[in-house]
Amino acid sequence: ARGSQLLDTPEVMTALSLLRVIDNPLREVELTAVLLSPVCGFSADDAARLRVAYPREPLYVAVQRYAQSGELPALRERCGRLYTQLTRLRTLAVSLPADRLLERIDRDMGLSAVFSARRGGRQRVANLQQLDGLARSFEQDGFRGLSAFVRYMDQLQERGNAPEAGGALYPDRVRIMSVHHSKGLEYPVVFLAG
């Protein structure tokens, strides 16, 4: 049986949602996923409070406004912290390659720390490292930037070319796949059976 696709694992989905929000903070679905992720720790009630407080505003603007004048101090503080982090990361995204931005996200928001504490933590951290490796490979021919990397990840997912989860944990294993599924991937040695 095939293993799970790297881009479908919760930790990588969270990292990609963060990248998409940094690239375009008006992406409501991705920002909601980030808010409700274990990295940010907002509850569904918190997200609903933001919507009720600012029903006509994009969620990103609601986070910003709640950080400035929200009723509940704990939620106001979480919104302020998230807004500050996203603002700083959006500024860095202009000049950092995708792999270095991922490293900065991990350092500032504690992605690896959060997911290593969950069940299967070693595998989850390996999946995040594998995503970082994809970003590094993507940027190796020169700076291409966050938007291009996000589009590249979307294309991998749409075409079904995303690598399997666990590649970073087991780098010396043999992978058997169809030519179709291997398209866009690079390996030092390839055997083609016919």
N, C-alpha and C. Protein backbone atom coordinates (compact mmCIF):
# COMPACT_ATOMS: atom_id res chain seq x y z
N ALA A 1 0.83 -1.19 0.00
CA ALA A 1 0.00 0.00 0.00
C ALA A 1 0.87 1.24 0.00
N ARG A 2 0.42 2.27 -0.68
CA ARG A 2 1.16 3.53 -0.73
C ARG A 2 1.09 4.24 0.61
N GLY A 3 2.18 4.92 0.93
CA GLY A 3 2.20 5.73 2.15
C GLY A 3 1.45 7.03 1.91
N SER A 4 1.32 7.79 2.95
CA SER A 4 0.61 9.05 2.81
C SER A 4 1.48 10.07 2.08
N GLN A 5 0.84 10.95 1.36
CA GLN A 5 1.54 12.00 0.65
C GLN A 5 2.03 13.04 1.65
N LEU A 6 3.23 13.52 1.44
CA LEU A 6 3.84 14.49 2.34
C LEU A 6 2.95 15.72 2.53
N LEU A 7 2.36 16.22 1.44
CA LEU A 7 1.60 17.46 1.52
C LEU A 7 0.25 17.29 2.19
N ASP A 8 -0.13 16.03 2.50
CA ASP A 8 -1.40 15.76 3.17
C ASP A 8 -1.24 15.51 4.67
N THR A 9 -0.02 15.61 5.19
CA THR A 9 0.19 15.41 6.62
C THR A 9 -0.16 16.69 7.37
N PRO A 10 -0.71 16.59 8.57
CA PRO A 10 -1.15 17.80 9.29
C PRO A 10 -0.05 18.84 9.50
N GLU A 11 1.16 18.39 9.80
CA GLU A 11 2.24 19.35 10.06
C GLU A 11 2.65 20.10 8.80
N VAL A 12 2.69 19.41 7.67
CA VAL A 12 3.06 20.06 6.41
C VAL A 12 1.90 20.93 5.92
N MET A 13 0.67 20.47 6.11
CA MET A 13 -0.48 21.29 5.75
C MET A 13 -0.48 22.60 6.55
N THR A 14 -0.11 22.52 7.82
CA THR A 14 -0.04 23.73 8.65
C THR A 14 1.06 24.66 8.14
N ALA A 15 2.23 24.09 7.84
CA ALA A 15 3.35 24.91 7.33
C ALA A 15 2.97 25.56 6.01
N LEU A 16 2.33 24.81 5.12
CA LEU A 16 1.92 25.38 3.83
C LEU A 16 0.83 26.43 3.99
N SER A 17 -0.09 26.21 4.92
CA SER A 17 -1.11 27.24 5.20
C SER A 17 -0.45 28.52 5.68
N LEU A 18 0.54 28.38 6.55
CA LEU A 18 1.28 29.56 7.02
C LEU A 18 1.97 30.28 5.85
N LEU A 19 2.61 29.51 4.98
CA LEU A 19 3.27 30.11 3.82
C LEU A 19 2.27 30.83 2.93
N ARG A 20 1.11 30.22 2.73
CA ARG A 20 0.08 30.85 1.88
C ARG A 20 -0.44 32.13 2.51
N VAL A 21 -0.60 32.15 3.83
CA VAL A 21 -1.08 33.35 4.52
C VAL A 21 -0.01 34.43 4.48
N ILE A 22 1.24 34.05 4.63
CA ILE A 22 2.33 35.04 4.55
C ILE A 22 2.36 35.63 3.15
N ASP A 23 2.15 34.79 2.14
CA ASP A 23 2.13 35.25 0.75
C ASP A 23 0.91 36.14 0.47
N ASN A 24 -0.24 35.76 1.02
CA ASN A 24 -1.47 36.52 0.81
C ASN A 24 -2.35 36.38 2.06
N PRO A 25 -2.31 37.36 2.95
CA PRO A 25 -3.03 37.24 4.22
C PRO A 25 -4.55 37.24 4.09
N LEU A 26 -5.07 37.51 2.91
CA LEU A 26 -6.52 37.51 2.73
C LEU A 26 -7.08 36.13 2.38
N ARG A 27 -6.23 35.12 2.43
CA ARG A 27 -6.69 33.74 2.19
C ARG A 27 -7.38 33.24 3.46
N GLU A 28 -8.69 33.32 3.45
CA GLU A 28 -9.50 33.04 4.64
C GLU A 28 -9.38 31.60 5.12
N VAL A 29 -9.47 30.64 4.22
CA VAL A 29 -9.44 29.23 4.61
C VAL A 29 -8.10 28.89 5.26
N GLU A 30 -7.01 29.33 4.64
CA GLU A 30 -5.69 29.03 5.17
C GLU A 30 -5.45 29.72 6.51
N LEU A 31 -5.91 30.97 6.64
CA LEU A 31 -5.74 31.68 7.91
C LEU A 31 -6.56 31.00 9.01
N THR A 32 -7.75 30.54 8.68
CA THR A 32 -8.55 29.80 9.66
C THR A 32 -7.82 28.53 10.09
N ALA A 33 -7.22 27.82 9.12
CA ALA A 33 -6.46 26.61 9.44
C ALA A 33 -5.29 26.94 10.36
N VAL A 34 -4.61 28.05 10.11
CA VAL A 34 -3.48 28.46 10.95
C VAL A 34 -3.98 28.79 12.36
N LEU A 35 -5.07 29.55 12.46
CA LEU A 35 -5.61 29.91 13.78
C LEU A 35 -5.94 28.67 14.60
N LEU A 36 -6.58 27.69 13.96
CA LEU A 36 -7.05 26.50 14.67
C LEU A 36 -5.98 25.43 14.83
N SER A 37 -4.81 25.65 14.25
CA SER A 37 -3.72 24.68 14.35
C SER A 37 -3.13 24.67 15.75
N PRO A 38 -2.44 23.58 16.10
CA PRO A 38 -1.79 23.55 17.42
C PRO A 38 -0.68 24.59 17.56
N VAL A 39 -0.22 25.15 16.46
CA VAL A 39 0.85 26.16 16.51
C VAL A 39 0.32 27.47 17.10
N CYS A 40 -0.88 27.85 16.72
CA CYS A 40 -1.45 29.12 17.21
C CYS A 40 -2.39 28.91 18.39
N GLY A 41 -3.08 27.80 18.43
CA GLY A 41 -3.88 27.46 19.59
C GLY A 41 -5.16 28.24 19.80
N PHE A 42 -5.71 28.82 18.75
CA PHE A 42 -7.01 29.47 18.87
C PHE A 42 -8.08 28.36 18.90
N SER A 43 -9.14 28.59 19.64
CA SER A 43 -10.25 27.63 19.65
C SER A 43 -11.25 28.03 18.56
N ALA A 44 -12.20 27.14 18.30
CA ALA A 44 -13.26 27.47 17.35
C ALA A 44 -14.07 28.65 17.87
N ASP A 45 -14.25 28.71 19.20
CA ASP A 45 -14.96 29.85 19.80
C ASP A 45 -14.20 31.17 19.57
N ASP A 46 -12.87 31.11 19.66
CA ASP A 46 -12.07 32.31 19.40
C ASP A 46 -12.27 32.79 17.96
N ALA A 47 -12.22 31.86 17.02
CA ALA A 47 -12.41 32.21 15.60
C ALA A 47 -13.80 32.80 15.39
N ALA A 48 -14.79 32.21 16.05
CA ALA A 48 -16.16 32.73 15.94
C ALA A 48 -16.26 34.14 16.53
N ARG A 49 -15.58 34.38 17.64
CA ARG A 49 -15.59 35.72 18.25
C ARG A 49 -15.02 36.77 17.29
N LEU A 50 -13.95 36.40 16.60
CA LEU A 50 -13.36 37.32 15.62
C LEU A 50 -14.35 37.63 14.51
N ARG A 51 -15.06 36.61 14.05
CA ARG A 51 -16.04 36.80 12.98
C ARG A 51 -17.20 37.67 13.44
N VAL A 52 -17.67 37.43 14.66
CA VAL A 52 -18.81 38.19 15.19
C VAL A 52 -18.39 39.65 15.44
N ALA A 53 -17.19 39.85 15.95
CA ALA A 53 -16.72 41.20 16.24
C ALA A 53 -16.54 42.04 14.98
N TYR A 54 -16.10 41.39 13.89
CA TYR A 54 -15.83 42.12 12.63
C TYR A 54 -16.39 41.32 11.45
N PRO A 55 -17.71 41.25 11.34
CA PRO A 55 -18.33 40.36 10.34
C PRO A 55 -18.08 40.75 8.89
N ARG A 56 -17.83 42.00 8.62
CA ARG A 56 -17.66 42.44 7.23
C ARG A 56 -16.19 42.54 6.82
N GLU A 57 -15.30 42.30 7.73
CA GLU A 57 -13.86 42.42 7.46
C GLU A 57 -13.26 41.07 7.12
N PRO A 58 -12.21 41.07 6.29
CA PRO A 58 -11.45 39.82 6.11
C PRO A 58 -10.90 39.37 7.46
N LEU A 59 -10.72 38.07 7.62
CA LEU A 59 -10.26 37.52 8.89
C LEU A 59 -8.93 38.13 9.34
N TYR A 60 -8.03 38.38 8.41
CA TYR A 60 -6.74 38.98 8.75
C TYR A 60 -6.92 40.36 9.38
N VAL A 61 -7.82 41.14 8.82
CA VAL A 61 -8.12 42.47 9.36
C VAL A 61 -8.80 42.33 10.72
N ALA A 62 -9.66 41.32 10.87
CA ALA A 62 -10.32 41.08 12.15
C ALA A 62 -9.28 40.75 13.23
N VAL A 63 -8.28 39.94 12.88
CA VAL A 63 -7.20 39.62 13.83
C VAL A 63 -6.47 40.91 14.22
N GLN A 64 -6.15 41.73 13.24
CA GLN A 64 -5.44 42.99 13.50
C GLN A 64 -6.27 43.91 14.40
N ARG A 65 -7.54 44.06 14.08
CA ARG A 65 -8.39 44.98 14.87
C ARG A 65 -8.65 44.45 16.27
N TYR A 66 -8.83 43.14 16.38
CA TYR A 66 -9.05 42.57 17.71
C TYR A 66 -7.80 42.75 18.57
N ALA A 67 -6.63 42.65 17.95
CA ALA A 67 -5.38 42.86 18.68
C ALA A 67 -5.30 44.27 19.24
N GLN A 68 -5.92 45.22 18.56
CA GLN A 68 -5.88 46.62 19.00
C GLN A 68 -6.96 46.95 20.02
N SER A 69 -8.17 46.37 19.85
CA SER A 69 -9.27 46.81 20.71
C SER A 69 -10.26 45.71 21.06
N GLY A 70 -9.83 44.47 21.07
CA GLY A 70 -10.74 43.38 21.40
C GLY A 70 -11.13 43.37 22.87
N GLU A 71 -12.28 42.75 23.16
CA GLU A 71 -12.81 42.73 24.53
C GLU A 71 -12.04 41.80 25.46
N LEU A 72 -11.74 40.58 25.01
CA LEU A 72 -11.12 39.58 25.88
C LEU A 72 -9.60 39.72 25.86
N PRO A 73 -8.99 40.00 27.01
CA PRO A 73 -7.54 40.23 27.05
C PRO A 73 -6.69 39.07 26.50
N ALA A 74 -7.04 37.83 26.84
CA ALA A 74 -6.24 36.68 26.38
C ALA A 74 -6.31 36.54 24.86
N LEU A 75 -7.50 36.70 24.29
CA LEU A 75 -7.65 36.61 22.84
C LEU A 75 -6.98 37.81 22.17
N ARG A 76 -7.10 38.97 22.77
CA ARG A 76 -6.45 40.17 22.23
C ARG A 76 -4.93 39.96 22.17
N GLU A 77 -4.37 39.37 23.22
CA GLU A 77 -2.93 39.11 23.25
C GLU A 77 -2.52 38.09 22.18
N ARG A 78 -3.29 37.00 22.04
CA ARG A 78 -2.97 36.00 21.00
C ARG A 78 -3.06 36.61 19.60
N CYS A 79 -4.08 37.43 19.37
CA CYS A 79 -4.22 38.10 18.07
C CYS A 79 -3.04 39.03 17.82
N GLY A 80 -2.64 39.77 18.85
CA GLY A 80 -1.50 40.68 18.71
C GLY A 80 -0.22 39.94 18.38
N ARG A 81 0.01 38.83 19.08
CA ARG A 81 1.22 38.04 18.84
C ARG A 81 1.22 37.47 17.42
N LEU A 82 0.07 36.92 16.99
CA LEU A 82 -0.02 36.35 15.64
C LEU A 82 0.15 37.44 14.58
N TYR A 83 -0.51 38.57 14.77
CA TYR A 83 -0.41 39.65 13.78
C TYR A 83 1.03 40.15 13.67
N THR A 84 1.71 40.29 14.81
CA THR A 84 3.11 40.73 14.80
C THR A 84 4.00 39.72 14.08
N GLN A 85 3.79 38.43 14.37
CA GLN A 85 4.59 37.39 13.71
C GLN A 85 4.36 37.39 12.20
N LEU A 86 3.10 37.45 11.79
CA LEU A 86 2.79 37.43 10.36
C LEU A 86 3.35 38.66 9.66
N THR A 87 3.26 39.81 10.29
CA THR A 87 3.80 41.04 9.71
C THR A 87 5.31 40.94 9.51
N ARG A 88 6.00 40.43 10.53
CA ARG A 88 7.45 40.27 10.45
C ARG A 88 7.82 39.26 9.35
N LEU A 89 7.09 38.14 9.30
CA LEU A 89 7.38 37.11 8.29
C LEU A 89 7.05 37.60 6.88
N ARG A 90 6.00 38.40 6.74
CA ARG A 90 5.67 38.96 5.42
C ARG A 90 6.77 39.90 4.94
N THR A 91 7.36 40.64 5.85
CA THR A 91 8.47 41.53 5.50
C THR A 91 9.68 40.70 5.06
N LEU A 92 9.98 39.64 5.80
CA LEU A 92 11.13 38.78 5.46
C LEU A 92 10.91 38.03 4.15
N ALA A 93 9.67 37.68 3.84
CA ALA A 93 9.36 36.88 2.64
C ALA A 93 9.78 37.58 1.35
N VAL A 94 9.88 38.89 1.39
CA VAL A 94 10.26 39.65 0.21
C VAL A 94 11.71 39.34 -0.21
N SER A 95 12.55 39.08 0.78
CA SER A 95 13.98 38.91 0.47
C SER A 95 14.55 37.53 0.79
N LEU A 96 13.81 36.70 1.51
CA LEU A 96 14.33 35.37 1.86
C LEU A 96 13.86 34.31 0.89
N PRO A 97 14.74 33.37 0.54
CA PRO A 97 14.27 32.22 -0.24
C PRO A 97 13.33 31.37 0.62
N ALA A 98 12.52 30.54 -0.03
CA ALA A 98 11.49 29.77 0.66
C ALA A 98 12.06 28.89 1.77
N ASP A 99 13.20 28.25 1.55
CA ASP A 99 13.76 27.37 2.58
C ASP A 99 14.18 28.16 3.83
N ARG A 100 14.77 29.32 3.64
CA ARG A 100 15.18 30.13 4.79
C ARG A 100 13.96 30.71 5.51
N LEU A 101 12.92 31.03 4.75
CA LEU A 101 11.69 31.51 5.37
C LEU A 101 11.06 30.39 6.22
N LEU A 102 11.06 29.16 5.70
CA LEU A 102 10.54 28.04 6.48
C LEU A 102 11.33 27.86 7.78
N GLU A 103 12.64 27.99 7.69
CA GLU A 103 13.47 27.88 8.90
C GLU A 103 13.12 28.98 9.89
N ARG A 104 12.86 30.17 9.39
CA ARG A 104 12.50 31.30 10.26
C ARG A 104 11.14 31.08 10.90
N ILE A 105 10.19 30.55 10.13
CA ILE A 105 8.86 30.23 10.67
C ILE A 105 9.01 29.21 11.79
N ASP A 106 9.83 28.20 11.54
CA ASP A 106 10.04 27.16 12.56
C ASP A 106 10.63 27.77 13.82
N ARG A 107 11.61 28.63 13.66
CA ARG A 107 12.25 29.24 14.81
C ARG A 107 11.30 30.18 15.56
N ASP A 108 10.58 31.03 14.83
CA ASP A 108 9.72 32.03 15.46
C ASP A 108 8.42 31.46 16.03
N MET A 109 7.86 30.46 15.33
CA MET A 109 6.55 29.96 15.73
C MET A 109 6.61 28.56 16.36
N GLY A 110 7.79 27.94 16.32
CA GLY A 110 7.96 26.66 16.99
C GLY A 110 7.26 25.48 16.35
N LEU A 111 7.18 25.46 15.04
CA LEU A 111 6.50 24.36 14.35
C LEU A 111 7.05 22.99 14.77
N SER A 112 8.35 22.80 14.67
CA SER A 112 8.94 21.50 15.01
C SER A 112 8.70 21.15 16.47
N ALA A 113 8.83 22.12 17.35
CA ALA A 113 8.62 21.86 18.77
C ALA A 113 7.18 21.42 19.04
N VAL A 114 6.23 22.10 18.43
CA VAL A 114 4.82 21.78 18.63
C VAL A 114 4.51 20.38 18.11
N PHE A 115 4.95 20.09 16.89
CA PHE A 115 4.60 18.80 16.30
C PHE A 115 5.44 17.65 16.84
N SER A 116 6.61 17.93 17.37
CA SER A 116 7.40 16.85 17.98
C SER A 116 6.77 16.37 19.28
N ALA A 117 5.97 17.22 19.91
CA ALA A 117 5.31 16.86 21.17
C ALA A 117 4.03 16.05 20.93
N ARG A 118 3.62 15.91 19.69
CA ARG A 118 2.40 15.18 19.37
C ARG A 118 2.74 13.72 19.06
N ARG A 119 1.74 12.88 19.00
CA ARG A 119 1.95 11.47 18.67
C ARG A 119 2.66 11.37 17.32
N GLY A 120 3.66 10.51 17.24
CA GLY A 120 4.44 10.37 16.01
C GLY A 120 5.34 11.56 15.76
N GLY A 121 5.79 12.20 16.83
CA GLY A 121 6.55 13.44 16.73
C GLY A 121 7.80 13.35 15.87
N ARG A 122 8.52 12.24 15.98
CA ARG A 122 9.75 12.10 15.18
C ARG A 122 9.43 12.12 13.68
N GLN A 123 8.39 11.40 13.30
CA GLN A 123 7.98 11.37 11.89
C GLN A 123 7.47 12.75 11.45
N ARG A 124 6.75 13.43 12.30
CA ARG A 124 6.22 14.75 11.96
C ARG A 124 7.34 15.75 11.71
N VAL A 125 8.35 15.73 12.58
CA VAL A 125 9.49 16.62 12.38
C VAL A 125 10.24 16.25 11.11
N ALA A 126 10.37 14.95 10.82
CA ALA A 126 11.01 14.51 9.58
C ALA A 126 10.23 15.01 8.36
N ASN A 127 8.91 15.03 8.46
CA ASN A 127 8.10 15.55 7.35
C ASN A 127 8.34 17.04 7.14
N LEU A 128 8.46 17.79 8.23
CA LEU A 128 8.76 19.23 8.10
C LEU A 128 10.15 19.43 7.50
N GLN A 129 11.09 18.58 7.88
CA GLN A 129 12.44 18.66 7.30
C GLN A 129 12.41 18.31 5.82
N GLN A 130 11.56 17.36 5.46
CA GLN A 130 11.43 16.99 4.05
C GLN A 130 10.85 18.16 3.25
N LEU A 131 9.88 18.87 3.81
CA LEU A 131 9.33 20.07 3.16
C LEU A 131 10.42 21.11 2.99
N ASP A 132 11.25 21.29 4.01
CA ASP A 132 12.37 22.23 3.93
C ASP A 132 13.33 21.81 2.81
N GLY A 133 13.56 20.52 2.68
CA GLY A 133 14.41 20.02 1.60
C GLY A 133 13.83 20.31 0.23
N LEU A 134 12.52 20.18 0.09
CA LEU A 134 11.87 20.54 -1.18
C LEU A 134 12.06 22.02 -1.48
N ALA A 135 11.92 22.85 -0.46
CA ALA A 135 12.10 24.29 -0.63
C ALA A 135 13.55 24.60 -1.02
N ARG A 136 14.49 23.91 -0.39
CA ARG A 136 15.91 24.13 -0.70
C ARG A 136 16.20 23.74 -2.14
N SER A 137 15.68 22.60 -2.57
CA SER A 137 15.86 22.16 -3.96
C SER A 137 15.23 23.16 -4.94
N PHE A 138 14.07 23.65 -4.57
CA PHE A 138 13.37 24.61 -5.41
C PHE A 138 14.18 25.89 -5.60
N GLU A 139 14.86 26.33 -4.56
CA GLU A 139 15.60 27.59 -4.60
C GLU A 139 17.05 27.44 -5.04
N GLN A 140 17.52 26.22 -5.29
CA GLN A 140 18.95 26.01 -5.53
C GLN A 140 19.49 26.69 -6.79
N ASP A 141 18.66 26.96 -7.76
CA ASP A 141 19.13 27.61 -8.99
C ASP A 141 19.04 29.12 -8.91
N GLY A 142 18.76 29.65 -7.75
CA GLY A 142 18.64 31.10 -7.58
C GLY A 142 17.34 31.45 -6.90
N PHE A 143 17.26 32.64 -6.37
CA PHE A 143 16.09 33.10 -5.63
C PHE A 143 14.85 33.11 -6.52
N ARG A 144 13.81 32.40 -6.08
CA ARG A 144 12.55 32.39 -6.81
C ARG A 144 11.41 32.95 -5.98
N GLY A 145 11.53 32.85 -4.67
CA GLY A 145 10.57 33.51 -3.79
C GLY A 145 9.40 32.66 -3.34
N LEU A 146 8.68 33.23 -2.37
CA LEU A 146 7.59 32.53 -1.72
C LEU A 146 6.43 32.24 -2.66
N SER A 147 5.99 33.22 -3.42
CA SER A 147 4.83 33.01 -4.30
C SER A 147 5.09 31.87 -5.28
N ALA A 148 6.28 31.83 -5.85
CA ALA A 148 6.61 30.77 -6.79
C ALA A 148 6.65 29.41 -6.09
N PHE A 149 7.17 29.37 -4.86
CA PHE A 149 7.21 28.10 -4.13
C PHE A 149 5.81 27.62 -3.79
N VAL A 150 4.93 28.52 -3.38
CA VAL A 150 3.54 28.15 -3.08
C VAL A 150 2.87 27.59 -4.33
N ARG A 151 3.08 28.23 -5.47
CA ARG A 151 2.51 27.72 -6.73
C ARG A 151 3.08 26.35 -7.07
N TYR A 152 4.38 26.16 -6.85
CA TYR A 152 5.03 24.87 -7.10
C TYR A 152 4.42 23.78 -6.22
N MET A 153 4.19 24.07 -4.95
CA MET A 153 3.58 23.08 -4.05
C MET A 153 2.16 22.76 -4.49
N ASP A 154 1.40 23.78 -4.91
CA ASP A 154 0.04 23.57 -5.41
C ASP A 154 0.05 22.66 -6.64
N GLN A 155 1.01 22.89 -7.54
CA GLN A 155 1.11 22.05 -8.74
C GLN A 155 1.47 20.61 -8.40
N LEU A 156 2.40 20.43 -7.46
CA LEU A 156 2.75 19.07 -7.03
C LEU A 156 1.52 18.34 -6.50
N GLN A 157 0.73 19.03 -5.71
CA GLN A 157 -0.45 18.42 -5.12
C GLN A 157 -1.51 18.13 -6.18
N GLU A 158 -1.74 19.07 -7.09
CA GLU A 158 -2.75 18.88 -8.13
C GLU A 158 -2.40 17.71 -9.05
N ARG A 159 -1.14 17.56 -9.37
CA ARG A 159 -0.70 16.50 -10.28
C ARG A 159 -0.50 15.16 -9.58
N GLY A 160 -0.56 15.16 -8.27
CA GLY A 160 -0.32 13.92 -7.54
C GLY A 160 1.14 13.54 -7.50
N ASN A 161 2.03 14.51 -7.70
CA ASN A 161 3.47 14.25 -7.72
C ASN A 161 4.14 14.51 -6.38
N ALA A 162 3.37 14.76 -5.35
CA ALA A 162 3.97 15.04 -4.04
C ALA A 162 4.68 13.79 -3.53
N PRO A 163 5.85 13.95 -2.94
CA PRO A 163 6.55 12.79 -2.40
C PRO A 163 5.80 12.19 -1.22
N GLU A 164 6.11 10.94 -0.93
CA GLU A 164 5.52 10.29 0.23
C GLU A 164 6.12 10.86 1.51
N ALA A 165 5.32 10.88 2.54
CA ALA A 165 5.82 11.30 3.86
C ALA A 165 6.83 10.27 4.33
N GLY A 166 7.85 10.73 5.03
CA GLY A 166 8.82 9.82 5.61
C GLY A 166 10.12 9.72 4.86
N GLY A 167 10.24 10.39 3.72
CA GLY A 167 11.46 10.31 2.94
C GLY A 167 12.67 10.83 3.69
N ALA A 168 12.48 11.84 4.52
CA ALA A 168 13.60 12.39 5.28
C ALA A 168 14.00 11.46 6.43
N LEU A 169 13.04 10.68 6.92
CA LEU A 169 13.33 9.77 8.02
C LEU A 169 14.05 8.52 7.53
N TYR A 170 13.80 8.12 6.27
CA TYR A 170 14.39 6.92 5.69
C TYR A 170 15.05 7.27 4.35
N PRO A 171 16.14 8.04 4.36
CA PRO A 171 16.72 8.51 3.10
C PRO A 171 17.37 7.41 2.26
N ASP A 172 17.72 6.27 2.87
CA ASP A 172 18.42 5.22 2.13
C ASP A 172 17.50 4.14 1.61
N ARG A 173 16.22 4.35 1.64
CA ARG A 173 15.30 3.31 1.18
C ARG A 173 15.13 3.35 -0.33
N VAL A 174 14.66 2.26 -0.87
CA VAL A 174 14.36 2.17 -2.29
C VAL A 174 12.89 2.53 -2.46
N ARG A 175 12.62 3.36 -3.45
CA ARG A 175 11.23 3.75 -3.74
C ARG A 175 10.85 3.21 -5.10
N ILE A 176 9.73 2.52 -5.15
CA ILE A 176 9.21 2.01 -6.41
C ILE A 176 7.99 2.84 -6.75
N MET A 177 8.01 3.44 -7.95
CA MET A 177 6.89 4.29 -8.35
C MET A 177 6.77 4.28 -9.86
N SER A 178 5.63 4.71 -10.33
CA SER A 178 5.41 4.80 -11.77
C SER A 178 6.17 6.00 -12.33
N VAL A 179 6.37 6.02 -13.62
CA VAL A 179 7.02 7.15 -14.28
C VAL A 179 6.19 8.41 -14.03
N HIS A 180 4.88 8.26 -14.08
CA HIS A 180 3.99 9.39 -13.86
C HIS A 180 4.21 10.02 -12.48
N HIS A 181 4.30 9.19 -11.45
CA HIS A 181 4.47 9.72 -10.09
C HIS A 181 5.87 10.24 -9.81
N SER A 182 6.84 9.82 -10.62
CA SER A 182 8.21 10.28 -10.38
C SER A 182 8.53 11.57 -11.11
N LYS A 183 7.62 12.01 -11.96
CA LYS A 183 7.85 13.22 -12.75
C LYS A 183 8.10 14.42 -11.83
N GLY A 184 9.16 15.13 -12.09
CA GLY A 184 9.50 16.31 -11.31
C GLY A 184 10.39 16.01 -10.11
N LEU A 185 10.65 14.74 -9.83
CA LEU A 185 11.51 14.37 -8.70
C LEU A 185 12.90 14.04 -9.22
N GLU A 186 13.90 14.17 -8.37
CA GLU A 186 15.28 13.87 -8.77
C GLU A 186 15.87 12.85 -7.83
N TYR A 187 16.56 11.84 -8.41
CA TYR A 187 17.23 10.81 -7.64
C TYR A 187 18.62 10.61 -8.24
N PRO A 188 19.61 10.24 -7.43
CA PRO A 188 20.96 10.03 -7.97
C PRO A 188 21.03 8.78 -8.86
N VAL A 189 20.21 7.77 -8.59
CA VAL A 189 20.22 6.54 -9.39
C VAL A 189 18.77 6.16 -9.67
N VAL A 190 18.48 5.83 -10.94
CA VAL A 190 17.13 5.43 -11.34
C VAL A 190 17.24 4.17 -12.18
N PHE A 191 16.41 3.17 -11.90
CA PHE A 191 16.30 1.96 -12.70
C PHE A 191 14.96 1.98 -13.37
N LEU A 192 14.93 1.79 -14.67
CA LEU A 192 13.69 1.76 -15.41
C LEU A 192 13.49 0.33 -15.93
N ALA A 193 12.45 -0.32 -15.43
CA ALA A 193 12.17 -1.70 -15.84
C ALA A 193 11.13 -1.68 -16.95
N GLY A 194 11.25 -2.60 -17.85
CA GLY A 194 10.31 -2.57 -18.96
C GLY A 194 9.85 -3.86 -19.38
